[in-house]
Protein backbone atom coordinates (compact mmCIF):
# COMPACT_ATOMS: atom_id res chain seq x y z
CA MET A 1 119.93 168.50 71.10
CA SER A 2 117.48 165.81 71.57
CA ARG A 3 118.25 162.47 73.31
CA ILE A 4 119.65 159.72 70.98
CA SER A 5 118.51 155.99 71.54
CA VAL A 6 120.83 153.41 72.62
CA ARG A 7 121.21 152.27 68.95
CA GLY A 8 122.20 155.60 68.25
CA PHE A 9 124.75 155.70 70.67
CA ALA A 10 126.08 152.58 69.42
CA VAL A 11 126.25 154.07 65.85
CA ALA A 12 127.81 157.28 67.00
CA SER A 13 130.58 155.39 68.99
CA ALA A 14 131.27 153.32 66.03
CA THR A 15 131.54 156.18 63.65
CA ALA A 16 133.71 158.00 66.13
CA VAL A 17 136.17 155.00 66.03
CA THR A 18 136.23 154.96 62.29
CA THR A 19 136.77 158.47 62.03
CA VAL A 20 139.65 158.46 64.32
CA GLY A 21 141.06 155.57 62.51
CA ALA A 22 140.84 157.61 59.40
CA VAL A 23 142.66 160.65 60.94
CA VAL A 24 145.48 158.42 62.30
CA GLY A 25 146.08 156.82 58.79
CA VAL A 26 146.41 160.41 57.07
CA ALA A 27 148.87 161.57 59.93
CA SER A 28 151.13 158.38 59.25
CA GLY A 29 151.18 158.77 55.69
CA ASN A 30 149.15 155.80 54.81
CA ALA A 31 147.03 155.93 51.82
CA VAL A 32 143.25 156.11 52.69
CA GLN A 33 141.06 154.14 50.23
CA SER A 34 138.15 156.64 50.39
CA SER A 35 138.81 159.77 48.68
CA ASP A 36 139.14 163.10 50.58
CA ASP A 37 135.59 164.09 49.48
CA ASN A 38 134.01 160.92 50.66
CA PHE A 39 135.96 161.30 54.01
CA GLU A 40 134.66 164.93 54.50
CA ALA A 41 131.17 163.94 53.54
CA THR A 42 131.04 160.93 55.91
CA ALA A 43 132.54 163.20 58.67
CA ALA A 44 129.91 165.80 58.06
CA ASP A 45 127.05 163.47 58.39
CA THR A 46 128.31 161.54 61.14
CA THR A 47 127.41 162.33 64.94
CA LEU A 48 130.22 161.69 67.27
CA LEU A 49 129.97 160.81 70.95
CA ALA A 50 132.02 163.71 71.64
CA ASP A 51 129.56 165.88 69.72
CA ILE A 52 126.84 165.11 72.16
CA PRO A 53 126.66 167.16 75.37
CA ALA A 54 127.99 165.50 78.59
CA GLY A 55 124.67 165.70 80.33
CA GLU A 56 122.94 163.74 77.34
CA GLN A 57 125.72 161.29 77.36
CA ALA A 58 124.77 160.42 80.75
CA GLN A 59 121.13 160.28 79.63
CA VAL A 60 121.92 157.65 76.94
CA GLN A 61 123.78 155.52 79.35
CA VAL A 62 120.99 155.71 81.83
CA SER A 63 118.54 155.03 79.41
CA SER A 64 120.53 151.84 78.44
CA LEU A 65 120.83 150.49 81.91
CA SER A 66 117.09 151.32 82.50
CA GLU A 67 116.24 149.16 79.45
CA GLN A 68 118.48 146.34 80.67
CA ALA A 69 116.67 146.72 84.14
CA ASP A 70 113.20 146.40 82.55
CA VAL A 71 114.19 143.30 80.73
CA GLN A 72 115.70 141.73 83.92
CA ALA A 73 112.55 142.77 85.83
CA ALA A 74 110.36 141.08 83.23
CA ALA A 75 112.23 138.07 83.22
CA ALA A 76 112.24 137.89 87.04
CA ASP A 77 108.64 138.35 87.07
CA SER A 78 108.09 135.61 84.63
CA VAL A 79 110.17 133.30 86.77
CA ALA A 80 108.51 134.18 89.89
CA ARG A 81 105.07 133.70 88.07
CA LYS A 82 105.94 130.38 87.11
CA ALA A 83 107.35 129.39 90.36
CA ALA A 84 104.18 130.61 92.06
CA GLU A 85 102.06 128.68 89.43
CA GLU A 86 103.91 125.53 90.08
CA SER A 87 103.80 125.96 93.85
CA ALA A 88 99.91 126.41 93.56
CA ARG A 89 99.75 123.38 91.38
CA LEU A 90 101.62 121.25 94.00
CA ARG A 91 99.62 122.52 96.49
CA ALA A 92 96.27 121.84 94.82
CA ALA A 93 97.47 118.23 94.19
CA LYS A 94 98.56 117.67 97.77
CA ASP A 95 95.10 119.01 98.84
CA ALA A 96 93.44 116.86 96.36
CA GLU A 97 95.47 113.85 97.62
CA ALA A 98 94.63 114.71 101.29
CA LYS A 99 91.01 115.07 100.58
CA LYS A 100 91.02 111.63 98.79
CA LYS A 101 92.83 109.89 101.62
CA ALA A 102 90.36 111.30 104.05
CA ALA A 103 87.43 110.20 102.04
CA ASP A 104 88.87 106.73 101.63
CA GLU A 105 89.53 106.41 105.22
CA ALA A 106 85.98 107.66 106.20
CA GLU A 107 84.51 105.04 103.59
CA ALA A 108 86.49 102.34 105.17
CA LYS A 109 85.40 103.16 108.56
CA ALA A 110 81.77 103.26 107.61
CA LYS A 111 82.05 100.15 105.80
CA ALA A 112 83.90 98.36 108.79
CA GLU A 113 81.17 99.77 110.94
CA GLU A 114 78.59 98.29 108.64
CA GLU A 115 80.29 94.97 108.82
CA ARG A 116 80.52 94.80 112.36
CA LYS A 117 76.82 95.41 112.83
CA ALA A 118 75.95 92.84 110.16
CA ALA A 119 78.12 90.54 111.97
CA GLU A 120 76.57 91.35 115.08
CA GLU A 121 73.03 90.99 113.66
CA GLU A 122 74.09 87.64 111.99
CA ARG A 123 75.32 86.32 115.27
CA ALA A 124 72.27 87.35 117.05
CA SER A 125 70.08 85.87 114.38
CA ARG A 126 71.83 82.42 114.92
CA SER A 127 71.34 82.44 118.66
CA ALA A 128 68.31 80.99 120.58
CA VAL A 129 65.78 83.71 121.32
CA ARG A 130 64.75 81.56 124.32
CA ASP A 131 66.93 79.19 126.17
CA ALA A 132 65.61 75.56 126.43
CA SER A 133 65.91 75.71 130.38
CA SER A 134 63.16 78.35 130.51
CA PHE A 135 60.46 75.82 129.71
CA SER A 136 58.80 73.77 132.14
CA THR A 137 59.37 69.93 131.88
CA GLN A 138 56.30 67.86 130.97
CA GLY A 139 55.68 64.13 130.67
CA SER A 140 54.95 64.40 127.10
CA TYR A 141 54.58 67.15 124.24
CA SER A 142 52.17 67.44 121.31
CA ILE A 143 53.63 68.43 117.83
CA ALA A 144 51.68 72.13 118.28
CA GLU A 145 53.54 72.35 121.76
CA VAL A 146 57.08 71.48 120.27
CA LYS A 147 56.45 73.77 117.36
CA ALA A 148 55.68 76.61 119.69
CA MET A 149 58.76 75.97 121.60
CA ALA A 150 60.85 76.28 118.38
CA ARG A 151 59.12 79.41 117.50
CA GLN A 152 60.26 80.92 120.85
CA MET A 153 63.88 79.45 120.42
CA ILE A 154 64.63 80.04 116.74
CA PRO A 155 65.15 83.39 115.48
CA ALA A 156 62.42 84.27 113.16
CA SER A 157 64.49 84.71 109.94
CA GLN A 158 65.63 81.11 110.44
CA PHE A 159 62.54 79.52 111.71
CA GLN A 160 61.10 78.39 108.30
CA CYS A 161 64.31 76.77 107.23
CA PHE A 162 64.70 74.91 110.64
CA SER A 163 60.97 73.85 110.40
CA THR A 164 61.48 72.46 106.87
CA ILE A 165 64.27 70.29 107.85
CA VAL A 166 62.60 68.91 111.25
CA ASP A 167 59.54 68.01 108.79
CA HIS A 168 61.57 65.95 106.73
CA GLU A 169 63.62 64.37 109.47
CA SER A 170 60.95 63.52 112.00
CA SER A 171 57.72 65.14 111.25
CA TRP A 172 58.19 66.98 114.62
CA ASN A 173 58.23 63.82 116.78
CA TYR A 174 60.67 64.46 119.46
CA ARG A 175 60.58 60.48 120.05
CA ALA A 176 61.10 59.45 116.47
CA VAL A 177 63.71 56.60 116.00
CA ASN A 178 65.12 55.40 112.64
CA PRO A 179 64.94 51.79 112.63
CA SER A 180 67.66 51.08 110.25
CA SER A 181 70.17 53.60 111.55
CA GLY A 182 69.11 54.40 115.15
CA ALA A 183 68.98 58.21 114.44
CA TYR A 184 66.86 59.76 117.18
CA GLY A 185 64.68 62.75 117.96
CA LEU A 186 63.35 65.88 116.08
CA MET A 187 66.69 66.37 114.41
CA GLN A 188 67.44 62.42 113.73
CA ALA A 189 70.70 63.00 115.30
CA LEU A 190 73.10 59.97 114.73
CA PRO A 191 73.93 58.70 117.15
CA GLY A 192 71.17 60.23 119.24
CA TYR A 193 73.31 60.61 122.51
CA LYS A 194 75.27 63.58 120.86
CA MET A 195 72.39 65.76 121.83
CA SER A 196 73.53 65.02 125.49
CA SER A 197 75.88 68.14 124.94
CA ALA A 198 72.78 70.28 125.02
CA GLY A 199 71.25 68.51 128.18
CA SER A 200 70.92 65.19 129.87
CA ASP A 201 67.06 65.15 129.09
CA TRP A 202 67.82 64.88 125.37
CA GLN A 203 65.86 61.76 124.94
CA THR A 204 62.43 63.47 126.63
CA ASN A 205 62.62 67.17 126.28
CA PRO A 206 62.06 68.55 122.92
CA ALA A 207 63.23 71.83 124.06
CA THR A 208 66.86 70.36 124.51
CA GLN A 209 66.57 68.77 121.29
CA ILE A 210 65.85 71.91 119.53
CA LYS A 211 68.73 73.62 121.34
CA TRP A 212 71.10 71.22 120.17
CA GLY A 213 69.63 71.13 116.67
CA LEU A 214 70.21 74.92 116.27
CA SER A 215 73.78 74.78 117.50
CA TYR A 216 74.67 71.95 115.15
CA MET A 217 73.17 74.15 112.11
CA ASN A 218 75.02 77.00 113.12
CA ASP A 219 78.30 75.46 113.69
CA ARG A 220 78.31 73.14 110.71
CA TYR A 221 76.47 75.30 108.21
CA GLY A 222 76.46 78.75 109.44
CA SER A 223 72.60 78.92 109.98
CA PRO A 224 69.63 76.78 109.57
CA CYS A 225 68.83 78.18 106.21
CA GLU A 226 72.29 77.30 105.03
CA ALA A 227 71.82 73.96 106.45
CA TRP A 228 68.39 73.47 104.45
CA THR A 229 70.27 74.56 101.28
CA PHE A 230 72.69 71.87 101.93
CA TRP A 231 69.86 69.50 102.58
CA GLN A 232 68.05 70.09 99.45
CA ALA A 233 71.39 69.46 97.50
CA ASN A 234 72.24 66.17 99.42
CA ARG A 235 69.06 65.18 101.18
CA TRP A 236 70.81 65.06 104.33
CA TYR A 237 72.53 67.60 106.35
């Protein structure tokens, strides 16, 4: 006899129950709605679980359990696959976040280093290239000599701005005096003695005046070029 399916097993079982119920009804004297002929026909066409050999009954039950196990295994595989996919997604997101953070930190570090170098260069550009004390003292100085001093003391990137201001203020005359205000020297410092902070010889040494003028422009405006920008807008600095 061939193996029957789980569905067949269920049908056979149900039929067996029906048949047994019918037999019990007859034995107790109860009337059975179906005729004897129909009962016999039904019984003849029905495969009872008892009619299935014992070995094949076991096969039917094993087949049912095997199918259930396959369904459960498939469901478990699906859950495991989804869990693995979610874990991979979270790991990829975490890796991407870590890479972005590292890139941002590297960019910030590079920017900070660039700003530091720019600040150092800016500070260097605002500092005197040659100190006033390195020039020998003379009784008098020509405009050419004074300009030569300034070129050696003022950073190249700032010299033209510095020179333009001096042109307007004193025409490079280190002894120039404003008759109405008393402003004195190359920078027309008011009062003139403010330049003593750069040296006691501020009245006679153009190098001392240049030193003071560069320091004043850097401290007040940031640089000679920024001082010149202010001068153009206000006609003084």
